[in-house]
Structures are given as C-alpha cells and as structure tokens.
C-alpha cells in the first residue's frame, strides 16, 4: 500500500506500525529503505525474511537529526573517534554511513552479530519526519536496507518497492530519490577511516572533512567489518549486464546488424544500430545525474524484456567511483 509521505497522518500511522514491530518502506535521498525498529530482534528478522537476505549480512541503522539523533548515537555506538565526529558534522544529514563500535546488547540482529554497527542520518524530509515520529515513540533508530529482494536492483521510487513486495507492504511515497545510489560507507571502528563503499561523497571530500587520509584497508591488522552492499555480485537486474568501451559497443552493434533483439545499451557516446529492436539510451555526462538514473534505467530495461544490458564503462574520475562500483557489482552477478 503506497501512502502519501507528505501526509502527517500517514507518518504517524507508519511510526505506530514500526513501534508495533511491523515493516514500513520509506524514501531516503539515496534509495528507498525497508525499515523496522532496530532494537526489536523479531522486527529486524522480518526484514531478512522479506528480502531473502542472509542474517549475517548487516543492516544500516537510520537515526534522526538533532538532539534525538545524538541520543540515538549514544544508544547504538560507543564513543566515536574525533575524525568520525568531524564526518558527522560535515555530512549528516546526508548520504554517509559510518561503521562504528556498537554498544553491547543493542541492535545485535541488525549488526549481523558483529561488534560494529552502521549508522546513518538521511536527509530526505519524509525519512526525517518518520524518524522523528519514531523517536517520540521510543524507537531510537530504524534498521533499513534497500527495499528490494536481496542482490537485486535497488528501488528509487515507491512504485519500484511495490513491484518488489506487492500491495501488503506499507510504502511512504516521497518521490524519486535525488542521489539514486546507496550511501558512501566509511569504517570508523579501527582507529582510522577506511572507505568500504563509494557513493556520492567522494574520497577527497571525506579526507578534507576528517582531517586525515583514508587508510588502505589491506594495511590494517584487523579485517574489514562486514557491511551492506559490499558483496562482489549485487545490484543486479534480471538481464545480464556487461561493461564495454564505446568502440567495442559500436563494433558489436555493427556485427549484430539488423536482426539483433533483446539488447539494451546505456552509453554516453552516440551509437548507431541497424536494428529496430535494440534500445539505445544516453547516459548523462554528469556523474551525479548518471547515478540518479542508474537503477531506474536498469529496471526499465528489465521491464522491456531485455536479455542483455550493455553499458559504456564509466570514466575513471573520482566522481564516477560510486557508479562504477554499482555497475561492476551488477555485471558480476
């Protein structure tokens, strides 16, 4: 059931449902999340069951802004290192998740049994309204992975969520997500910041805000904590995704000729095909615009019955790292 995220009544009803241990999908600036009270183990188990997600693959806990958010930080996390505080000051609310040392006995199910937990403060106004209403009811945070079946394409509209789970799930509609790919994840649990998942916030921005350089994950004595969206194969449509350079794309289209079908191409370069049954779609030259469209484009190609999705390899620049990461994991599926 899709609810109007601008309706205060819908927000209150959704918060009541979450307090009672139910599931509610809601928009963030990145993608739509499938939320449950992070402190209720049975509710969190419902997320893993609905998504078909392994229970040891941790979830991100979303917290409110302001005073309530500070209270939630103290509830879920042990004292933070100074560089983590600087990142919070610079990027919260926003598309940044911090992996921090977890308070014992809190949100163990959401953390996948680890002694660390991922925390984020989303900037979407509907998410913030929901989190504030939940906080008023004693719900300190919402565990919320992307609202899709495990390993599949993340949803960036309420309709995408409904396609995944049907009419029984409550979905707060907040429009299309502005960022379009999941949050940047920085591990703050090992004494130095480590980038675990790229996103809209770049390495240079993280280092400038933290006042220290990102550490090489392989140079640290302790292993990476498990984190959302870091499996080799992830974010995959039903169609097979392949990354190709523009010249290889055009050569392949030329070889296939006029009889080719069930192929879709997303490219920055202007390509040509003699087939009327190949879908050509232009990828924006701007990395942020490409990220915002990425998952919606993959879903649209699937809806057309496409069997193969060919994507022009994104540029090597740092602003494209998040898009490259998602496409590489989609292609690995």
Protein backbone atom coordinates (compact mmCIF):
# COMPACT_ATOMS: atom_id res chain seq x y z
CA UNK A 1 0.00 0.00 0.00
CA UNK A 2 1.51 3.31 -1.07
CA UNK A 3 0.95 6.17 1.40
CA UNK A 4 1.46 9.88 0.87
CA UNK A 5 4.75 10.75 2.56
CA UNK A 6 3.66 14.38 2.79
CA UNK A 7 0.72 13.43 5.00
CA UNK A 8 1.35 13.86 8.73
CA UNK A 9 -1.36 11.27 9.38
CA UNK A 10 0.46 8.73 7.19
CA UNK A 11 3.74 9.45 9.02
CA UNK A 12 2.06 8.90 12.39
CA UNK A 13 0.43 5.67 11.22
CA UNK A 14 3.75 4.40 9.84
CA UNK A 15 5.55 5.23 13.09
CA UNK A 16 2.87 3.34 15.06
CA UNK A 17 3.31 0.34 12.78
CA UNK A 18 7.08 0.37 13.26
CA UNK A 19 6.75 0.71 17.04
CA UNK A 20 4.47 -2.34 16.99
CA UNK A 21 7.17 -4.38 15.23
CA UNK A 22 5.96 -4.04 11.64
CA UNK A 23 7.80 -3.16 8.45
CA UNK A 24 7.48 0.11 6.52
CA UNK A 25 9.36 1.18 3.39
CA UNK A 26 10.37 4.82 3.22
CA UNK A 27 12.35 7.14 0.95
CA UNK A 28 15.84 8.44 1.60
CA UNK A 29 17.91 10.68 -0.63
CA UNK A 30 19.82 7.58 -1.80
CA UNK A 31 17.29 4.75 -2.31
CA UNK A 32 14.11 3.53 -0.62
CA UNK A 33 14.71 1.57 2.59
CA UNK A 34 12.80 -1.31 4.16
CA UNK A 35 12.55 -0.24 7.79
CA UNK A 36 11.99 -1.88 11.17
CA UNK A 37 12.74 -0.90 14.76
CA UNK A 38 16.46 -1.65 15.06
CA UNK A 39 16.13 -2.66 18.71
CA UNK A 40 13.42 -5.30 18.15
CA UNK A 41 15.08 -8.53 17.08
CA UNK A 42 11.87 -10.09 15.74
CA UNK A 43 11.11 -6.99 13.67
CA UNK A 44 14.63 -6.97 12.21
CA UNK A 45 14.29 -10.67 11.43
CA UNK A 46 11.25 -9.71 9.36
CA UNK A 47 13.49 -7.60 7.12
CA UNK A 48 15.86 -10.50 6.48
CA UNK A 49 12.92 -12.80 5.76
CA UNK A 50 11.15 -10.37 3.40
CA UNK A 51 14.30 -9.66 1.41
CA UNK A 52 15.68 -13.20 1.43
CA UNK A 53 18.85 -11.71 2.90
CA UNK A 54 21.40 -13.74 4.91
CA UNK A 55 21.04 -12.89 8.60
CA UNK A 56 24.79 -12.31 8.99
CA UNK A 57 24.79 -9.58 6.32
CA UNK A 58 24.43 -6.43 8.47
CA UNK A 59 21.90 -3.64 8.05
CA UNK A 60 22.35 0.12 8.36
CA UNK A 61 20.55 1.83 11.24
CA UNK A 62 18.99 5.20 10.37
CA UNK A 63 18.70 7.85 13.08
CA UNK A 64 17.00 11.22 13.36
CA UNK A 65 18.74 14.58 13.17
CA UNK A 66 19.35 16.95 16.07
CA UNK A 67 19.05 16.11 19.75
CA UNK A 68 17.20 12.85 19.14
CA UNK A 69 19.95 11.79 16.77
CA UNK A 70 22.61 12.45 19.41
CA UNK A 71 20.64 10.34 21.87
CA UNK A 72 20.48 7.56 19.29
CA UNK A 73 24.22 7.73 18.69
CA UNK A 74 24.81 7.19 22.40
CA UNK A 75 22.29 4.34 22.38
CA UNK A 76 23.87 2.44 19.49
CA UNK A 77 27.55 3.46 19.41
CA UNK A 78 30.45 3.57 21.81
CA UNK A 79 32.33 6.90 21.99
CA UNK A 80 33.39 7.96 18.50
CA UNK A 81 36.92 8.89 17.39
CA UNK A 82 37.40 12.60 16.59
CA UNK A 83 37.56 12.04 12.81
CA UNK A 84 34.16 10.30 12.91
CA UNK A 85 32.67 13.29 14.72
CA UNK A 86 34.06 15.56 12.03
CA UNK A 87 32.44 13.45 9.32
CA UNK A 88 29.11 13.63 11.10
CA UNK A 89 29.39 17.41 11.38
CA UNK A 90 30.24 17.70 7.69
CA UNK A 91 27.82 15.22 6.10
CA UNK A 92 24.87 14.44 8.38
CA UNK A 93 22.06 14.55 7.48
CA UNK A 94 23.23 13.11 4.16
CA UNK A 95 24.36 10.07 2.17
CA UNK A 96 27.14 8.89 4.52
CA UNK A 97 27.14 5.73 6.67
CA UNK A 98 29.68 5.29 9.45
CA UNK A 99 30.67 1.86 10.76
CA UNK A 100 31.32 2.31 14.49
CA UNK A 101 31.87 0.14 17.55
CA UNK A 102 28.47 -0.99 18.82
CA UNK A 103 27.21 -0.69 22.35
CA UNK A 104 26.94 -4.22 23.80
CA UNK A 105 23.46 -5.69 23.87
CA UNK A 106 21.94 -3.23 21.37
CA UNK A 107 20.88 -3.97 17.77
CA UNK A 108 22.84 -7.20 17.57
CA UNK A 109 20.44 -8.61 14.95
CA UNK A 110 20.70 -5.51 12.77
CA UNK A 111 24.51 -5.68 13.06
CA UNK A 112 24.57 -9.27 11.81
CA UNK A 113 26.10 -10.35 15.12
CA UNK A 114 29.17 -8.13 14.76
CA UNK A 115 30.50 -5.79 17.44
CA UNK A 116 30.17 -2.92 14.96
CA UNK A 117 27.09 -1.22 13.53
CA UNK A 118 26.45 1.05 10.56
CA UNK A 119 24.74 4.35 11.37
CA UNK A 120 23.33 6.97 9.03
CA UNK A 121 21.22 10.12 9.26
CA UNK A 122 19.32 10.53 5.96
CA UNK A 123 18.45 13.99 4.65
CA UNK A 124 15.16 13.17 2.89
CA UNK A 125 12.37 15.15 4.61
CA UNK A 126 10.00 12.18 4.66
CA UNK A 127 12.66 9.99 6.26
CA UNK A 128 13.38 12.66 8.84
CA UNK A 129 9.68 13.12 9.63
CA UNK A 130 9.30 9.37 10.10
CA UNK A 131 12.43 9.08 12.26
CA UNK A 132 11.29 11.98 14.43
CA UNK A 133 7.85 10.40 14.90
CA UNK A 134 9.51 7.09 15.76
CA UNK A 135 11.80 8.79 18.28
CA UNK A 136 8.75 10.27 20.01
CA UNK A 137 7.53 6.68 20.46
CA UNK A 138 10.83 5.46 21.92
CA UNK A 139 12.15 3.95 18.66
CA UNK A 140 15.79 5.07 18.62
CA UNK A 141 16.55 4.04 15.05
CA UNK A 142 15.31 2.14 12.02
CA UNK A 143 17.28 -0.72 10.53
CA UNK A 144 16.71 -0.23 6.81
CA UNK A 145 18.47 -1.91 3.90
CA UNK A 146 17.30 -1.14 0.38
CA UNK A 147 13.66 -2.13 -0.15
CA UNK A 148 14.21 -4.86 -2.72
CA UNK A 149 14.86 -8.59 -2.87
CA UNK A 150 18.41 -9.39 -1.82
CA UNK A 151 21.03 -8.78 -4.51
CA UNK A 152 18.62 -7.16 -6.93
CA UNK A 153 18.36 -3.62 -8.29
CA UNK A 154 17.73 -1.05 -5.57
CA UNK A 155 14.45 0.93 -5.69
CA UNK A 156 14.41 4.68 -6.24
CA UNK A 157 10.61 5.20 -6.38
CA UNK A 158 7.68 3.92 -4.33
CA UNK A 159 6.43 2.07 -7.42
CA UNK A 160 9.73 0.12 -7.56
CA UNK A 161 9.17 -1.03 -3.96
CA UNK A 162 5.61 -2.09 -4.74
CA UNK A 163 6.89 -4.10 -7.72
CA UNK A 164 9.21 -5.97 -5.35
CA UNK A 165 6.85 -6.69 -2.45
CA UNK A 166 3.26 -6.16 -3.64
CA UNK A 167 0.43 -4.25 -2.01
CA UNK A 168 0.71 -5.62 1.52
CA UNK A 169 3.85 -3.68 2.44
CA UNK A 170 3.31 -0.08 3.56
CA UNK A 171 5.37 2.32 1.45
CA UNK A 172 5.72 6.02 2.22
CA UNK A 173 5.95 7.81 -1.13
CA UNK A 174 8.49 10.62 -1.21
CA UNK A 175 9.03 10.82 -4.95
CA UNK A 176 12.13 9.77 -6.88
CA UNK A 177 15.34 9.62 -4.85
CA UNK A 178 17.67 12.53 -5.57
CA UNK A 179 21.01 10.70 -5.23
CA UNK A 180 19.97 7.34 -6.65
CA UNK A 181 22.77 5.10 -5.33
CA UNK A 182 23.37 3.92 -1.79
CA UNK A 183 25.35 5.86 0.79
CA UNK A 184 29.10 6.10 0.99
CA UNK A 185 30.29 3.79 3.80
CA UNK A 186 33.31 4.71 5.93
CA UNK A 187 34.59 2.32 8.59
CA UNK A 188 35.49 4.23 11.76
CA UNK A 189 35.95 1.21 14.03
CA UNK A 190 39.68 0.53 13.56
CA UNK A 191 41.25 3.83 14.58
CA UNK A 192 41.49 5.24 11.05
CA UNK A 193 38.89 5.99 8.37
CA UNK A 194 38.56 3.31 5.68
CA UNK A 195 36.31 3.57 2.63
CA UNK A 196 34.24 0.39 2.33
CA UNK A 197 31.69 1.50 -0.30
CA UNK A 198 31.93 4.54 -2.58
CA UNK A 199 28.95 6.79 -3.13
CA UNK A 200 28.03 10.40 -3.78
CA UNK A 201 30.52 11.66 -1.18
CA UNK A 202 33.99 11.27 -2.66
CA UNK A 203 37.31 10.20 -1.15
CA UNK A 204 38.64 13.76 -1.36
CA UNK A 205 35.59 15.14 0.45
CA UNK A 206 35.93 12.54 3.20
CA UNK A 207 39.63 13.26 3.74
CA UNK A 208 39.09 17.02 3.75
CA UNK A 209 36.32 16.78 6.34
CA UNK A 210 38.02 14.17 8.54
CA UNK A 211 41.35 15.97 8.53
CA UNK A 212 43.16 12.66 7.98
CA UNK A 213 43.84 10.49 4.96
CA UNK A 214 41.79 7.38 4.26
CA UNK A 215 43.73 4.27 5.24
CA UNK A 216 44.44 1.31 2.99
CA UNK A 217 42.04 -1.39 4.16
CA UNK A 218 44.65 -4.06 3.42
CA UNK A 219 47.32 -2.36 5.55
CA UNK A 220 45.36 -2.59 8.79
CA UNK A 221 45.82 -5.51 11.15
CA UNK A 222 42.09 -6.10 11.67
CA UNK A 223 39.88 -7.35 8.84
CA UNK A 224 37.09 -5.27 7.35
CA UNK A 225 33.79 -5.48 9.19
CA UNK A 226 31.00 -6.89 7.05
CA UNK A 227 28.96 -4.05 5.55
CA UNK A 228 25.93 -3.56 3.32
CA UNK A 229 26.41 -3.62 -0.43
CA UNK A 230 29.99 -4.87 -0.40
CA UNK A 231 29.45 -8.33 -1.88
CA UNK A 232 31.16 -8.88 -5.24
CA UNK A 233 27.84 -9.50 -7.00
CA UNK A 234 24.99 -7.15 -6.13
CA UNK A 235 22.51 -4.59 -7.55
CA UNK A 236 21.70 -6.94 -10.44
CA UNK A 237 18.76 -6.79 -12.86
CA UNK A 238 17.33 -9.95 -14.39
CA UNK A 239 19.13 -9.19 -17.67
CA UNK A 240 22.86 -9.84 -17.84
CA UNK A 241 24.92 -6.65 -17.52
CA UNK A 242 28.17 -6.18 -19.42
CA UNK A 243 30.50 -3.17 -19.28
CA UNK A 244 32.21 -2.23 -22.57
CA UNK A 245 34.19 0.65 -24.01
CA UNK A 246 32.41 2.78 -26.63
CA UNK A 247 34.42 1.41 -29.56
CA UNK A 248 33.66 -2.20 -28.56
CA UNK A 249 29.99 -1.34 -28.19
CA UNK A 250 29.77 0.11 -31.67
CA UNK A 251 31.68 -2.81 -33.18
CA UNK A 252 29.33 -5.29 -31.52
CA UNK A 253 26.26 -3.43 -32.78
CA UNK A 254 27.70 -3.37 -36.30
CA UNK A 255 28.39 -7.11 -36.24
CA UNK A 256 24.92 -7.98 -34.95
CA UNK A 257 23.23 -5.99 -37.71
CA UNK A 258 19.54 -5.51 -38.33
CA UNK A 259 18.31 -8.78 -36.83
CA UNK A 260 19.58 -8.22 -33.28
CA UNK A 261 17.00 -8.13 -30.50
CA UNK A 262 16.55 -8.19 -26.72
CA UNK A 263 19.57 -5.95 -26.14
CA UNK A 264 19.62 -2.54 -24.44
CA UNK A 265 22.53 -0.12 -24.45
CA UNK A 266 23.22 2.72 -22.00
CA UNK A 267 26.08 4.88 -23.19
CA UNK A 268 27.49 8.38 -23.06
CA UNK A 269 28.71 8.05 -26.64
CA UNK A 270 26.30 8.44 -29.56
CA UNK A 271 25.95 4.95 -31.02
CA UNK A 272 24.07 3.62 -34.03
CA UNK A 273 22.33 0.35 -34.82
CA UNK A 274 20.51 -1.02 -37.82
CA UNK A 275 18.11 -2.98 -35.61
CA UNK A 276 14.76 -1.56 -34.57
CA UNK A 277 14.69 -3.98 -31.64
CA UNK A 278 17.74 -2.68 -29.79
CA UNK A 279 17.09 0.04 -27.21
CA UNK A 280 19.68 2.81 -27.18
CA UNK A 281 19.61 5.22 -24.22
CA UNK A 282 22.03 8.02 -23.49
CA UNK A 283 23.85 8.07 -20.17
CA UNK A 284 24.35 11.59 -18.76
CA UNK A 285 27.84 13.04 -18.99
CA UNK A 286 27.46 14.23 -15.40
CA UNK A 287 28.27 11.58 -12.78
CA UNK A 288 25.61 12.74 -10.30
CA UNK A 289 22.90 12.64 -12.98
CA UNK A 290 24.03 9.18 -14.10
CA UNK A 291 23.89 7.92 -10.51
CA UNK A 292 20.39 9.32 -10.04
CA UNK A 293 19.18 7.45 -13.14
CA UNK A 294 21.19 4.23 -12.82
CA UNK A 295 18.83 1.86 -11.01
CA UNK A 296 15.72 3.23 -12.71
CA UNK A 297 17.35 2.62 -16.11
CA UNK A 298 18.26 -0.98 -15.24
CA UNK A 299 14.71 -1.63 -14.02
CA UNK A 300 13.20 -0.08 -17.14
CA UNK A 301 15.33 -2.30 -19.39
CA UNK A 302 14.18 -5.36 -17.43
CA UNK A 303 10.56 -4.27 -17.82
CA UNK A 304 11.07 -4.19 -21.60
CA UNK A 305 12.06 -7.88 -21.61
CA UNK A 306 15.72 -7.16 -22.32
CA UNK A 307 18.09 -10.15 -22.09
CA UNK A 308 21.39 -8.27 -22.30
CA UNK A 309 22.25 -4.79 -20.99
CA UNK A 310 25.42 -3.28 -22.42
CA UNK A 311 26.76 -0.28 -20.56
CA UNK A 312 29.56 2.01 -21.61
CA UNK A 313 32.28 1.81 -18.97
CA UNK A 314 32.11 4.96 -16.81
CA UNK A 315 35.07 7.36 -16.79
CA UNK A 316 37.93 6.86 -14.35
CA UNK A 317 37.40 10.13 -12.46
CA UNK A 318 36.74 10.04 -8.69
CA UNK A 319 33.24 11.48 -9.08
CA UNK A 320 32.27 8.35 -11.05
CA UNK A 321 33.53 5.85 -8.45
CA UNK A 322 30.08 5.14 -6.98
CA UNK A 323 28.53 4.50 -10.41
CA UNK A 324 31.45 2.27 -11.44
CA UNK A 325 31.13 0.29 -8.22
CA UNK A 326 27.41 -0.41 -8.67
CA UNK A 327 27.80 -1.38 -12.35
CA UNK A 328 30.77 -3.66 -11.68
CA UNK A 329 28.84 -5.49 -8.98
CA UNK A 330 25.77 -5.73 -11.23
CA UNK A 331 27.94 -7.17 -14.01
CA UNK A 332 29.45 -9.73 -11.62
CA UNK A 333 26.06 -11.26 -10.81
